[in-house]
Protein backbone atom coordinates (compact mmCIF):
# COMPACT_ATOMS: atom_id res chain seq x y z
CA MET A 1 39.08 -92.32 -20.87
CA GLN A 2 38.82 -91.64 -24.73
CA ASP A 3 38.53 -88.04 -26.21
CA GLN A 4 35.75 -87.48 -28.30
CA PRO A 5 35.56 -85.09 -31.43
CA ALA A 6 34.52 -81.78 -30.07
CA PRO A 7 30.71 -81.46 -31.40
CA ALA A 8 29.09 -79.50 -33.98
CA ALA A 9 28.40 -75.96 -33.02
CA VAL A 10 27.36 -72.31 -34.82
CA PRO A 11 29.85 -71.94 -36.84
CA LEU A 12 32.57 -69.38 -35.79
CA PRO A 13 32.71 -65.93 -37.10
CA GLY A 14 34.84 -66.21 -40.27
CA ALA A 15 33.97 -69.69 -41.11
CA ARG A 16 31.66 -68.86 -44.10
CA HIS A 17 31.85 -66.08 -46.86
CA GLY A 18 29.19 -63.39 -46.31
CA ARG A 19 28.66 -63.42 -49.66
CA ASP A 20 27.37 -66.75 -50.29
CA PRO A 21 24.54 -66.43 -52.02
CA ASP A 22 22.55 -69.52 -50.26
CA ARG A 23 22.25 -66.76 -47.39
CA ALA A 24 20.86 -64.60 -49.08
CA ILE A 25 17.58 -62.74 -47.97
CA LYS A 26 15.18 -64.42 -50.38
CA ARG A 27 13.19 -61.97 -51.81
CA GLY A 28 9.12 -63.45 -52.15
CA PRO A 29 5.70 -62.93 -51.58
CA ARG A 30 6.46 -62.77 -48.06
CA ARG A 31 7.76 -60.32 -46.21
CA VAL A 32 11.12 -61.40 -44.00
CA PRO A 33 11.04 -59.99 -40.55
CA ALA A 34 12.98 -57.08 -39.82
CA GLU A 35 14.49 -59.30 -36.93
CA GLU A 36 15.42 -62.08 -38.78
CA VAL A 37 17.12 -59.79 -41.65
CA ALA A 38 19.22 -57.92 -39.16
CA ALA A 39 20.22 -61.47 -37.57
CA THR A 40 21.39 -62.72 -41.18
CA GLN A 41 23.61 -59.22 -41.44
CA ARG A 42 24.97 -59.53 -38.53
CA ASP A 43 26.37 -62.95 -38.98
CA ARG A 44 27.23 -61.84 -42.89
CA LEU A 45 29.05 -58.97 -41.07
CA PHE A 46 30.68 -61.23 -38.28
CA ASP A 47 32.38 -63.08 -41.21
CA GLY A 48 32.80 -60.88 -43.23
CA LEU A 49 35.01 -58.53 -40.66
CA VAL A 50 37.16 -61.40 -39.82
CA ARG A 51 37.94 -62.54 -42.89
CA GLU A 52 38.93 -59.22 -43.65
CA VAL A 53 41.18 -58.40 -40.47
CA ALA A 54 42.35 -61.36 -40.89
CA SER A 55 43.59 -60.84 -43.95
CA ARG A 56 44.29 -56.76 -43.66
CA GLY A 57 44.61 -56.25 -39.89
CA TYR A 58 42.30 -54.54 -37.95
CA ASP A 59 44.26 -51.30 -38.30
CA ASN A 60 44.01 -51.51 -42.41
CA ALA A 61 40.31 -53.32 -42.56
CA ARG A 62 37.39 -50.14 -43.66
CA VAL A 63 34.29 -50.59 -42.84
CA SER A 64 33.65 -50.21 -46.61
CA ASP A 65 35.65 -53.80 -46.62
CA ILE A 66 33.95 -55.27 -44.44
CA CYS A 67 30.49 -54.42 -45.89
CA HIS A 68 31.85 -55.38 -49.19
CA ALA A 69 32.82 -58.78 -48.09
CA ALA A 70 29.42 -59.23 -46.08
CA GLY A 71 27.18 -58.11 -48.89
CA VAL A 72 25.99 -55.75 -46.70
CA THR A 73 25.13 -51.76 -47.38
CA ARG A 74 27.01 -48.85 -45.05
CA PRO A 75 23.36 -48.01 -43.81
CA ALA A 76 22.94 -51.59 -42.56
CA PHE A 77 26.42 -51.84 -41.31
CA TYR A 78 25.82 -48.88 -39.02
CA ALA A 79 22.29 -49.68 -37.81
CA LEU A 80 23.56 -52.50 -36.29
CA PHE A 81 27.23 -51.42 -34.78
CA SER A 82 28.63 -47.92 -34.07
CA GLY A 83 31.48 -48.56 -35.69
CA LYS A 84 34.30 -50.52 -36.54
CA GLN A 85 35.32 -51.80 -33.14
CA ASP A 86 31.98 -51.91 -31.68
CA ALA A 87 31.59 -54.89 -34.52
CA PHE A 88 34.37 -56.48 -33.69
CA LEU A 89 34.07 -56.92 -29.99
CA ALA A 90 30.41 -58.49 -30.53
CA ALA A 91 31.57 -60.55 -33.40
CA TYR A 92 34.81 -61.39 -30.38
CA ARG A 93 32.30 -62.21 -28.05
CA HIS A 94 30.16 -64.54 -30.13
CA GLY A 95 33.28 -66.77 -31.40
CA ILE A 96 34.60 -66.76 -27.75
CA ALA A 97 30.86 -67.53 -26.61
CA VAL A 98 31.15 -70.48 -29.02
CA VAL A 99 34.40 -71.78 -28.39
CA SER A 100 34.02 -71.59 -24.62
CA GLU A 101 30.71 -73.90 -24.77
CA LEU A 102 32.45 -76.34 -26.63
CA MET A 103 34.83 -76.58 -24.51
CA GLU A 104 32.85 -76.10 -21.27
CA GLY A 105 31.32 -79.73 -23.12
CA ALA A 106 34.58 -81.37 -23.73
CA TYR A 107 35.56 -80.84 -20.31
CA ARG A 108 32.31 -82.17 -18.25
CA GLU A 109 32.00 -85.20 -20.87
CA ALA A 110 35.56 -86.26 -20.28
CA GLY A 111 34.96 -88.02 -17.06
CA PRO A 112 35.92 -87.88 -13.79
CA ALA A 113 39.55 -87.63 -14.00
CA TRP A 114 41.02 -84.00 -14.55
CA PRO A 115 43.71 -84.71 -16.24
CA ASP A 116 41.61 -86.47 -19.10
CA ALA A 117 39.41 -83.51 -18.46
CA ALA A 118 41.83 -80.65 -19.48
CA ARG A 119 43.24 -82.64 -22.36
CA ALA A 120 40.15 -82.81 -23.70
CA ALA A 121 39.34 -79.07 -23.48
CA LEU A 122 42.45 -78.37 -24.80
CA ARG A 123 42.10 -80.76 -27.78
CA THR A 124 38.39 -78.82 -28.90
CA LEU A 125 40.44 -75.57 -28.32
CA LEU A 126 43.21 -76.07 -30.42
CA ASP A 127 40.78 -78.28 -33.19
CA VAL A 128 38.24 -74.96 -33.43
CA LEU A 129 41.03 -73.00 -33.50
CA ALA A 130 42.58 -74.52 -36.57
CA SER A 131 39.03 -74.98 -38.47
CA VAL A 132 39.13 -71.64 -38.76
CA PRO A 133 42.25 -69.67 -39.15
CA ALA A 134 40.98 -66.42 -39.59
CA PHE A 135 39.01 -66.58 -36.26
CA ALA A 136 42.17 -67.66 -34.95
CA ARG A 137 43.85 -64.81 -36.04
CA MET A 138 41.39 -62.31 -35.33
CA ALA A 139 41.08 -63.27 -31.57
CA LEU A 140 44.67 -64.22 -31.06
CA VAL A 141 46.79 -61.63 -32.50
CA GLU A 142 44.56 -58.73 -34.29
CA VAL A 143 42.61 -58.38 -30.75
CA ASP A 144 45.67 -56.70 -29.53
CA ALA A 145 44.83 -53.45 -31.90
CA ALA A 146 41.52 -53.10 -31.61
CA GLY A 147 41.84 -51.03 -28.82
CA PRO A 148 41.64 -51.30 -24.40
CA ASP A 149 38.34 -52.52 -24.77
CA ALA A 150 39.16 -55.99 -26.75
CA ARG A 151 42.62 -56.06 -24.71
CA ARG A 152 40.66 -55.89 -21.68
CA GLU A 153 37.99 -58.45 -23.27
CA ARG A 154 40.64 -60.78 -24.28
CA ASP A 155 42.27 -60.63 -20.48
CA ALA A 156 39.30 -61.26 -18.91
CA LEU A 157 38.82 -64.49 -21.25
CA LEU A 158 42.30 -65.82 -19.95
CA LEU A 159 41.05 -65.11 -16.44
CA SER A 160 37.59 -67.32 -17.04
CA PHE A 161 40.25 -69.87 -18.18
CA ARG A 162 41.27 -70.59 -14.68
CA ARG A 163 37.96 -72.45 -14.05
CA PHE A 164 39.24 -75.24 -15.72
CA PHE A 165 41.89 -75.92 -13.35
CA ALA A 166 39.51 -76.00 -10.41
CA ASP A 167 39.91 -79.67 -10.27
CA ALA A 168 43.35 -79.97 -10.05
CA ASP A 169 45.28 -80.99 -7.25
CA PRO A 170 47.51 -78.59 -6.15
CA GLY A 171 50.31 -81.85 -5.76
CA PRO A 172 54.21 -80.98 -6.27
CA ALA A 173 52.79 -77.42 -6.40
CA ALA A 174 51.53 -76.99 -2.85
CA ALA A 175 54.44 -79.02 -1.23
CA ALA A 176 56.61 -76.24 -2.64
CA GLY A 177 54.58 -73.46 -0.73
CA VAL A 178 53.91 -71.91 -4.52
CA ASP A 179 50.49 -69.88 -4.52
CA ARG A 180 48.27 -71.63 -6.90
CA ASP A 181 46.37 -68.79 -8.00
CA ALA A 182 49.40 -67.29 -9.37
CA LEU A 183 50.67 -70.31 -10.67
CA VAL A 184 47.48 -71.07 -12.48
CA SER A 185 48.13 -67.67 -14.12
CA THR A 186 51.27 -68.80 -14.99
CA VAL A 187 50.02 -71.67 -16.73
CA VAL A 188 47.34 -70.43 -18.65
CA GLY A 189 49.44 -67.32 -19.96
CA GLY A 190 52.11 -69.61 -21.61
CA LEU A 191 49.38 -71.66 -22.76
CA HIS A 192 48.52 -68.88 -24.44
CA ALA A 193 51.10 -67.42 -25.87
CA THR A 194 52.33 -70.48 -27.14
CA ILE A 195 48.84 -70.55 -29.30
CA ARG A 196 49.35 -66.94 -30.27
CA ALA A 197 52.86 -67.38 -31.64
CA ARG A 198 51.32 -70.29 -33.65
CA VAL A 199 48.99 -68.02 -35.08
CA ALA A 200 50.80 -65.32 -35.60
CA GLN A 201 53.04 -67.08 -37.77
CA GLY A 202 49.99 -68.03 -39.59
CA ARG A 203 50.61 -71.67 -38.79
CA ALA A 204 46.55 -72.19 -37.43
CA GLU A 205 46.32 -75.14 -38.93
CA GLU A 206 49.04 -76.89 -37.22
CA LEU A 207 48.01 -76.02 -33.55
CA PRO A 208 46.35 -79.63 -32.75
CA ALA A 209 49.84 -80.50 -33.23
CA LEU A 210 50.49 -79.06 -30.19
CA LEU A 211 48.33 -81.02 -28.14
CA PRO A 212 51.04 -83.18 -26.26
CA LEU A 213 52.90 -80.25 -25.59
CA LEU A 214 50.06 -78.21 -23.81
CA THR A 215 48.77 -81.11 -21.73
CA TYR A 216 52.12 -81.58 -20.50
CA ALA A 217 52.70 -78.40 -19.47
CA ALA A 218 49.44 -77.68 -18.06
CA THR A 219 49.75 -80.96 -15.81
CA ALA A 220 53.34 -80.63 -14.71
CA PRO A 221 52.77 -78.58 -12.05
CA PHE A 222 49.98 -80.64 -10.35
CA LEU A 223 50.87 -83.91 -11.24
CA GLY A 224 54.34 -83.69 -11.64
CA PRO A 225 56.41 -84.91 -14.28
CA GLU A 226 55.54 -88.58 -14.77
CA GLY A 227 51.59 -87.92 -14.39
CA ALA A 228 52.06 -85.19 -16.91
CA ARG A 229 53.86 -88.10 -19.06
CA ARG A 230 50.48 -90.14 -18.82
CA ALA A 231 47.97 -87.19 -19.68
CA THR A 232 49.95 -86.88 -22.77
CA ARG A 233 49.15 -90.11 -24.37
CA PRO A 234 46.56 -90.13 -26.90
CA ALA A 235 43.87 -92.41 -25.63
CA ARG A 236 43.43 -94.41 -28.37
CA PRO A 237 46.17 -94.97 -31.64
CA ASP A 238 43.74 -92.53 -33.90
CA ASP A 239 43.80 -89.56 -31.17
CA GLY A 240 45.87 -87.07 -32.45
CA PRO A 241 46.47 -83.90 -34.14
CA SER A 242 43.81 -84.72 -37.00
CA ALA A 243 41.09 -84.18 -35.01
CA THR A 244 37.26 -83.28 -36.69
CA ALA A 245 37.06 -79.22 -37.33
CA PRO A 246 33.44 -78.78 -35.75
CA CYS A 247 33.14 -75.17 -36.57
CA ALA A 248 34.47 -74.70 -40.13
CA SER A 249 31.66 -74.34 -42.44
């Protein structure tokens, strides 16, 4: 089954400049509805927050910095969020929802064979994170500094990734008497740690190159070494790390 490029989606937070003139609220004879103004300001603040947190670190990114990066006033910020942590969590949840939807679509569209579906979901995850390095750093690295609520969100996300292993054959692990739930948790944790380490090194753009390694690591416990080796093979010659960046502006 050929891997398909990840579909276009709502841009990830951090993919655009908050102060882009094209995103300014246009003045004119027709009054812009308050809901539209608030939605535009929220999206710009998401972009400003992600870029500031990625460049300065969560602890050093001030509300004033975020507002300046977004081109939004402090009163407007506090009309939408109770503070920096509240804004961080909102941006994190919004971005993760975009990533998860893309992964789900890739998993479903890859076909009935679980190795193809798992590889497609992984490929999409790596492509999307590589397309917006600022969001990757915010969501994988700086989330650790954003407080216990953010870390709980991160842990819940990792738990939700278990769904991509629901169709995997227990295979060698079952024969060895290994607990399936513990095995899946271990695999997901290892994938996360590998991706996070690359992002922490400032090398998010290189994430698609990890696809063969992560595909092997994700499938070997369920397919065995030979099955995992087959799963890592590109479905076509141009199927590799140069995937489309679906969430970059």
